[in-house]
Amino acid sequence: MKLIVFVTDDAHADMSVDTLVGQGFRVTRLATTGGFLRRGNTTLLVGVEDQQVDQACDLVKGVAPGTLAIIMDLERYERL
């Protein structure tokens, strides 16, 4: 299992979420601010199976070029 953290600009956030959800991914969306000019960003959290990482990244790259993707291993997770 992997956790992908996508950081994209606000202008591409809606399309990124719609594209991921349309392909069956579950997405948590967070409004974030950062960078030199304090511009608005959106951070998307997406939990995927190992074999889905490339698909999720390709989907976001297609609608939001320049998005930062951080991919982390999840050794353990629990639904509480």
N, C-alpha and C. Protein backbone atom coordinates (compact mmCIF):
# COMPACT_ATOMS: atom_id res chain seq x y z
N MET A 1 0.85 -1.17 0.00
CA MET A 1 0.00 0.00 0.00
C MET A 1 0.89 1.23 0.00
N LYS A 2 0.48 2.26 -0.72
CA LYS A 2 1.22 3.52 -0.81
C LYS A 2 0.28 4.68 -0.50
N LEU A 3 0.87 5.75 0.00
CA LEU A 3 0.16 7.01 0.16
C LEU A 3 0.81 7.99 -0.80
N ILE A 4 0.01 8.55 -1.71
CA ILE A 4 0.52 9.57 -2.62
C ILE A 4 0.00 10.92 -2.13
N VAL A 5 0.91 11.86 -1.97
CA VAL A 5 0.57 13.22 -1.62
C VAL A 5 0.82 14.06 -2.86
N PHE A 6 -0.24 14.57 -3.45
CA PHE A 6 -0.13 15.46 -4.60
C PHE A 6 -0.30 16.89 -4.12
N VAL A 7 0.61 17.77 -4.52
CA VAL A 7 0.49 19.20 -4.22
C VAL A 7 0.35 19.91 -5.55
N THR A 8 -0.81 20.51 -5.77
CA THR A 8 -1.10 21.16 -7.04
C THR A 8 -1.63 22.57 -6.78
N ASP A 9 -1.64 23.38 -7.81
CA ASP A 9 -2.20 24.72 -7.63
C ASP A 9 -3.73 24.63 -7.63
N ASP A 10 -4.34 25.63 -7.03
CA ASP A 10 -5.80 25.62 -6.89
C ASP A 10 -6.53 25.50 -8.22
N ALA A 11 -5.95 26.06 -9.28
CA ALA A 11 -6.62 26.05 -10.58
C ALA A 11 -6.80 24.64 -11.14
N HIS A 12 -5.94 23.72 -10.75
CA HIS A 12 -6.01 22.35 -11.26
C HIS A 12 -6.61 21.35 -10.27
N ALA A 13 -6.96 21.81 -9.10
CA ALA A 13 -7.40 20.90 -8.04
C ALA A 13 -8.71 20.19 -8.39
N ASP A 14 -9.72 20.93 -8.84
CA ASP A 14 -11.01 20.31 -9.12
C ASP A 14 -10.89 19.22 -10.19
N MET A 15 -10.18 19.52 -11.26
CA MET A 15 -10.03 18.54 -12.34
C MET A 15 -9.24 17.32 -11.86
N SER A 16 -8.24 17.54 -11.01
CA SER A 16 -7.46 16.42 -10.48
C SER A 16 -8.34 15.49 -9.64
N VAL A 17 -9.12 16.10 -8.75
CA VAL A 17 -10.02 15.31 -7.90
C VAL A 17 -11.05 14.57 -8.75
N ASP A 18 -11.67 15.28 -9.67
CA ASP A 18 -12.69 14.66 -10.52
C ASP A 18 -12.12 13.49 -11.33
N THR A 19 -10.93 13.66 -11.86
CA THR A 19 -10.29 12.61 -12.66
C THR A 19 -9.97 11.39 -11.80
N LEU A 20 -9.40 11.61 -10.63
CA LEU A 20 -9.06 10.49 -9.75
C LEU A 20 -10.31 9.75 -9.27
N VAL A 21 -11.29 10.50 -8.81
CA VAL A 21 -12.53 9.88 -8.31
C VAL A 21 -13.25 9.15 -9.45
N GLY A 22 -13.21 9.72 -10.65
CA GLY A 22 -13.84 9.08 -11.80
C GLY A 22 -13.22 7.73 -12.15
N GLN A 23 -11.97 7.54 -11.75
CA GLN A 23 -11.30 6.26 -12.00
C GLN A 23 -11.31 5.35 -10.77
N GLY A 24 -12.09 5.73 -9.76
CA GLY A 24 -12.29 4.86 -8.60
C GLY A 24 -11.34 5.08 -7.44
N PHE A 25 -10.51 6.12 -7.49
CA PHE A 25 -9.62 6.41 -6.37
C PHE A 25 -10.38 7.22 -5.32
N ARG A 26 -10.00 7.03 -4.07
CA ARG A 26 -10.56 7.83 -2.99
C ARG A 26 -9.56 8.94 -2.68
N VAL A 27 -10.06 10.15 -2.54
CA VAL A 27 -9.19 11.32 -2.41
C VAL A 27 -9.62 12.15 -1.21
N THR A 28 -8.64 12.57 -0.42
CA THR A 28 -8.87 13.56 0.63
C THR A 28 -8.22 14.85 0.17
N ARG A 29 -8.98 15.93 0.19
CA ARG A 29 -8.52 17.21 -0.33
C ARG A 29 -8.30 18.19 0.83
N LEU A 30 -7.14 18.83 0.85
CA LEU A 30 -6.80 19.81 1.88
C LEU A 30 -6.39 21.12 1.22
N ALA A 31 -6.93 22.23 1.68
CA ALA A 31 -6.50 23.54 1.19
C ALA A 31 -5.22 23.91 1.93
N THR A 32 -4.17 24.24 1.19
CA THR A 32 -2.89 24.56 1.80
C THR A 32 -2.34 25.84 1.17
N THR A 33 -1.45 26.48 1.89
CA THR A 33 -0.80 27.69 1.40
C THR A 33 0.69 27.54 1.62
N GLY A 34 1.46 27.98 0.64
CA GLY A 34 2.91 27.90 0.81
C GLY A 34 3.63 28.52 -0.35
N GLY A 35 4.93 28.44 -0.28
CA GLY A 35 5.75 28.99 -1.35
C GLY A 35 6.10 30.44 -1.10
N PHE A 36 6.96 30.94 -1.92
CA PHE A 36 7.48 32.30 -1.77
C PHE A 36 6.39 33.36 -1.82
N LEU A 37 5.46 33.22 -2.75
CA LEU A 37 4.41 34.22 -2.91
C LEU A 37 3.15 33.91 -2.12
N ARG A 38 3.18 32.87 -1.31
CA ARG A 38 2.03 32.49 -0.48
C ARG A 38 0.78 32.22 -1.30
N ARG A 39 0.97 31.63 -2.45
CA ARG A 39 -0.17 31.30 -3.31
C ARG A 39 -0.89 30.08 -2.76
N GLY A 40 -2.18 29.99 -3.08
CA GLY A 40 -2.97 28.87 -2.63
C GLY A 40 -2.62 27.60 -3.38
N ASN A 41 -2.52 26.54 -2.66
CA ASN A 41 -2.29 25.22 -3.22
C ASN A 41 -3.37 24.29 -2.69
N THR A 42 -3.46 23.14 -3.30
CA THR A 42 -4.32 22.09 -2.79
C THR A 42 -3.49 20.84 -2.65
N THR A 43 -3.60 20.19 -1.50
CA THR A 43 -2.90 18.94 -1.25
C THR A 43 -3.93 17.82 -1.30
N LEU A 44 -3.63 16.81 -2.11
CA LEU A 44 -4.51 15.65 -2.25
C LEU A 44 -3.82 14.44 -1.64
N LEU A 45 -4.53 13.72 -0.79
CA LEU A 45 -4.03 12.48 -0.20
C LEU A 45 -4.76 11.32 -0.85
N VAL A 46 -4.00 10.39 -1.42
CA VAL A 46 -4.60 9.27 -2.14
C VAL A 46 -3.91 7.98 -1.70
N GLY A 47 -4.65 7.08 -1.10
CA GLY A 47 -4.12 5.76 -0.74
C GLY A 47 -4.37 4.80 -1.89
N VAL A 48 -3.30 4.13 -2.34
CA VAL A 48 -3.42 3.23 -3.50
C VAL A 48 -2.65 1.94 -3.24
N GLU A 49 -3.02 0.91 -3.97
CA GLU A 49 -2.23 -0.31 -3.98
C GLU A 49 -0.95 -0.05 -4.77
N ASP A 50 0.08 -0.83 -4.51
CA ASP A 50 1.38 -0.61 -5.15
C ASP A 50 1.28 -0.53 -6.67
N GLN A 51 0.48 -1.37 -7.26
CA GLN A 51 0.39 -1.42 -8.72
C GLN A 51 -0.42 -0.26 -9.31
N GLN A 52 -1.06 0.56 -8.48
CA GLN A 52 -1.87 1.68 -8.96
C GLN A 52 -1.14 3.03 -8.94
N VAL A 53 0.09 3.04 -8.44
CA VAL A 53 0.83 4.30 -8.30
C VAL A 53 1.00 4.98 -9.65
N ASP A 54 1.48 4.26 -10.65
CA ASP A 54 1.72 4.87 -11.96
C ASP A 54 0.43 5.40 -12.58
N GLN A 55 -0.66 4.64 -12.43
CA GLN A 55 -1.93 5.07 -12.99
C GLN A 55 -2.38 6.39 -12.35
N ALA A 56 -2.33 6.47 -11.03
CA ALA A 56 -2.76 7.70 -10.34
C ALA A 56 -1.88 8.88 -10.74
N CYS A 57 -0.58 8.67 -10.81
CA CYS A 57 0.33 9.75 -11.18
C CYS A 57 0.10 10.20 -12.62
N ASP A 58 -0.11 9.26 -13.51
CA ASP A 58 -0.37 9.61 -14.92
C ASP A 58 -1.67 10.40 -15.07
N LEU A 59 -2.70 10.03 -14.31
CA LEU A 59 -3.97 10.76 -14.37
C LEU A 59 -3.78 12.22 -13.95
N VAL A 60 -3.08 12.42 -12.85
CA VAL A 60 -2.88 13.79 -12.36
C VAL A 60 -1.96 14.56 -13.30
N LYS A 61 -0.92 13.92 -13.79
CA LYS A 61 -0.02 14.60 -14.72
C LYS A 61 -0.76 15.07 -15.97
N GLY A 62 -1.75 14.30 -16.41
CA GLY A 62 -2.51 14.67 -17.60
C GLY A 62 -3.38 15.90 -17.43
N VAL A 63 -3.86 16.14 -16.22
CA VAL A 63 -4.76 17.29 -16.00
C VAL A 63 -4.12 18.42 -15.22
N ALA A 64 -2.99 18.15 -14.57
CA ALA A 64 -2.34 19.16 -13.74
C ALA A 64 -0.82 19.05 -13.86
N PRO A 65 -0.27 19.38 -15.03
CA PRO A 65 1.18 19.30 -15.19
C PRO A 65 1.89 20.19 -14.18
N GLY A 66 3.02 19.73 -13.69
CA GLY A 66 3.77 20.49 -12.70
C GLY A 66 3.42 20.16 -11.27
N THR A 67 2.46 19.28 -11.07
CA THR A 67 2.07 18.87 -9.72
C THR A 67 3.19 18.08 -9.07
N LEU A 68 3.42 18.33 -7.80
CA LEU A 68 4.40 17.59 -7.02
C LEU A 68 3.74 16.33 -6.49
N ALA A 69 4.39 15.18 -6.67
CA ALA A 69 3.88 13.92 -6.14
C ALA A 69 4.91 13.34 -5.16
N ILE A 70 4.46 13.06 -3.96
CA ILE A 70 5.31 12.43 -2.94
C ILE A 70 4.68 11.06 -2.66
N ILE A 71 5.46 10.01 -2.83
CA ILE A 71 4.93 8.65 -2.70
C ILE A 71 5.61 7.98 -1.51
N MET A 72 4.79 7.52 -0.57
CA MET A 72 5.31 6.92 0.66
C MET A 72 4.76 5.52 0.85
N ASP A 73 5.60 4.65 1.37
CA ASP A 73 5.17 3.30 1.73
C ASP A 73 4.33 3.36 3.01
N LEU A 74 3.28 2.58 3.04
CA LEU A 74 2.47 2.43 4.25
C LEU A 74 2.67 1.01 4.75
N GLU A 75 3.48 0.86 5.76
CA GLU A 75 3.72 -0.47 6.30
C GLU A 75 2.52 -0.98 7.08
N ARG A 76 1.83 -0.06 7.72
CA ARG A 76 0.68 -0.45 8.52
C ARG A 76 -0.37 0.64 8.47
N TYR A 77 -1.58 0.23 8.33
CA TYR A 77 -2.69 1.17 8.44
C TYR A 77 -3.87 0.42 9.01
N GLU A 78 -4.74 1.13 9.70
CA GLU A 78 -5.90 0.52 10.34
C GLU A 78 -7.12 1.41 10.10
N ARG A 79 -8.23 0.78 9.91
CA ARG A 79 -9.49 1.51 9.86
C ARG A 79 -10.09 1.45 11.25
N LEU A 80 -10.25 2.60 11.89
CA LEU A 80 -10.73 2.64 13.28
C LEU A 80 -12.17 3.07 13.35
